[in-house]
Each structure stands twice: as structure tokens, then as C-alpha cells.
C-alpha atoms as a PDB file:
ATOM      1  CA  MET A   1      83.512  13.850 -44.011  1.00  0.00           C
ATOM      2  CA  PRO A   2      80.718  16.309 -43.197  1.00  0.00           C
ATOM      3  CA  PHE A   3      81.788  16.980 -39.590  1.00  0.00           C
ATOM      4  CA  GLU A   4      85.528  17.616 -39.898  1.00  0.00           C
ATOM      5  CA  GLY A   5      86.902  19.973 -37.253  1.00  0.00           C
ATOM      6  CA  ILE A   6      83.557  20.700 -35.593  1.00  0.00           C
ATOM      7  CA  LYS A   7      83.563  21.777 -31.934  1.00  0.00           C
ATOM      8  CA  VAL A   8      80.501  20.881 -29.857  1.00  0.00           C
ATOM      9  CA  THR A   9      79.624  22.129 -26.386  1.00  0.00           C
ATOM     10  CA  ALA A  10      77.397  19.670 -24.540  1.00  0.00           C
ATOM     11  CA  LEU A  11      75.359  21.275 -21.754  1.00  0.00           C
ATOM     12  CA  VAL A  12      74.476  18.623 -19.174  1.00  0.00           C
ATOM     13  CA  GLY A  13      71.895  19.866 -16.687  1.00  0.00           C
ATOM     14  CA  SER A  14      71.322  16.671 -14.742  1.00  0.00           C
ATOM     15  CA  PRO A  15      73.160  16.655 -11.393  1.00  0.00           C
ATOM     16  CA  ARG A  16      73.208  12.843 -11.198  1.00  0.00           C
ATOM     17  CA  ARG A  17      75.164  12.259 -14.416  1.00  0.00           C
ATOM     18  CA  GLN A  18      73.055   9.311 -15.456  1.00  0.00           C
ATOM     19  CA  ASN A  19      70.541   9.187 -18.317  1.00  0.00           C
ATOM     20  CA  THR A  20      71.139  12.677 -19.701  1.00  0.00           C
ATOM     21  CA  LEU A  21      74.898  12.176 -19.705  1.00  0.00           C
ATOM     22  CA  HIS A  22      74.504   8.763 -21.337  1.00  0.00           C
ATOM     23  CA  LEU A  23      72.326  10.256 -24.080  1.00  0.00           C
ATOM     24  CA  VAL A  24      74.864  13.013 -24.743  1.00  0.00           C
ATOM     25  CA  GLN A  25      77.653  10.420 -24.918  1.00  0.00           C
ATOM     26  CA  VAL A  26      75.652   8.407 -27.475  1.00  0.00           C
ATOM     27  CA  ILE A  27      75.255  11.560 -29.578  1.00  0.00           C
ATOM     28  CA  GLU A  28      78.991  12.259 -29.209  1.00  0.00           C
ATOM     29  CA  ASP A  29      79.834   8.734 -30.414  1.00  0.00           C
ATOM     30  CA  GLU A  30      77.609   9.162 -33.478  1.00  0.00           C
ATOM     31  CA  LEU A  31      79.128  12.545 -34.334  1.00  0.00           C
ATOM     32  CA  LYS A  32      82.652  11.148 -33.985  1.00  0.00           C
ATOM     33  CA  ARG A  33      81.672   8.261 -36.250  1.00  0.00           C
ATOM     34  CA  LEU A  34      80.794  10.841 -38.928  1.00  0.00           C
ATOM     35  CA  GLY A  35      84.012  12.831 -38.630  1.00  0.00           C
ATOM     36  CA  SER A  36      86.510  14.642 -36.465  1.00  0.00           C
ATOM     37  CA  VAL A  37      84.491  16.241 -33.663  1.00  0.00           C
ATOM     38  CA  GLU A  38      85.763  17.806 -30.436  1.00  0.00           C
ATOM     39  CA  VAL A  39      83.249  17.719 -27.568  1.00  0.00           C
ATOM     40  CA  GLU A  40      83.462  19.858 -24.440  1.00  0.00           C
ATOM     41  CA  TYR A  41      81.166  18.938 -21.562  1.00  0.00           C
ATOM     42  CA  VAL A  42      79.712  21.662 -19.344  1.00  0.00           C
ATOM     43  CA  PHE A  43      78.053  20.322 -16.208  1.00  0.00           C
ATOM     44  CA  LEU A  44      75.621  23.041 -15.144  1.00  0.00           C
ATOM     45  CA  GLY A  45      75.264  21.618 -11.634  1.00  0.00           C
ATOM     46  CA  GLU A  46      78.926  22.449 -11.004  1.00  0.00           C
ATOM     47  CA  ARG A  47      78.536  26.074 -12.088  1.00  0.00           C
ATOM     48  CA  ASN A  48      77.546  28.996  -9.912  1.00  0.00           C
ATOM     49  CA  ILE A  49      74.682  30.370 -12.021  1.00  0.00           C
ATOM     50  CA  GLU A  50      72.898  33.326 -10.467  1.00  0.00           C
ATOM     51  CA  PHE A  51      69.834  35.321 -11.422  1.00  0.00           C
ATOM     52  CA  CYS A  52      70.137  38.690 -13.117  1.00  0.00           C
ATOM     53  CA  ARG A  53      70.477  41.501 -10.596  1.00  0.00           C
ATOM     54  CA  GLY A  54      69.594  44.208 -13.099  1.00  0.00           C
ATOM     55  CA  CYS A  55      73.000  45.896 -12.786  1.00  0.00           C
ATOM     56  CA  MET A  56      73.024  46.812 -16.523  1.00  0.00           C
ATOM     57  CA  GLN A  57      76.730  45.815 -16.678  1.00  0.00           C
ATOM     58  CA  LEU A  58      76.329  43.878 -19.927  1.00  0.00           C
ATOM     59  CA  SER A  59      74.771  46.837 -21.723  1.00  0.00           C
ATOM     60  CA  THR A  60      77.717  49.095 -20.834  1.00  0.00           C
ATOM     61  CA  VAL A  61      80.485  46.786 -22.081  1.00  0.00           C
ATOM     62  CA  SER A  62      81.975  48.090 -25.328  1.00  0.00           C
ATOM     63  CA  GLY A  63      83.034  45.820 -28.140  1.00  0.00           C
END
């Protein structure tokens, strides 16, 4: 199978969980039909996403 052991992160931006979620679920069903696929849903409306404050913190992290 071409999709064995694949992990997929589905970003769902719609706050109503209707058409966008349904479309992502259809895609998930098709991927699972092709092989063993693990899907993780991330609902962006439930996340606290803020704008960049220009603190430069990411550029100072080593590794």
C-alpha cells in the first residue's frame, strides 16, 4: 500500500465545523482506503494564535 504509516495533520480553520470539516473527513476516508493513515485534527478556532510581537525570541533559540 502506498500510504502505510503516514501521519497527516488536518488544519481546520472553519469555526462552525461544517463544510470544511466534512471535506477533510472525506479526504481522510480516501487516504485510509489507500492504506494505514493516522490523522490528527487541529481546529484553529480553538487555538490562541497571536500576531508576531517582534521579540526576536525565535532567532535566539539554539538547536
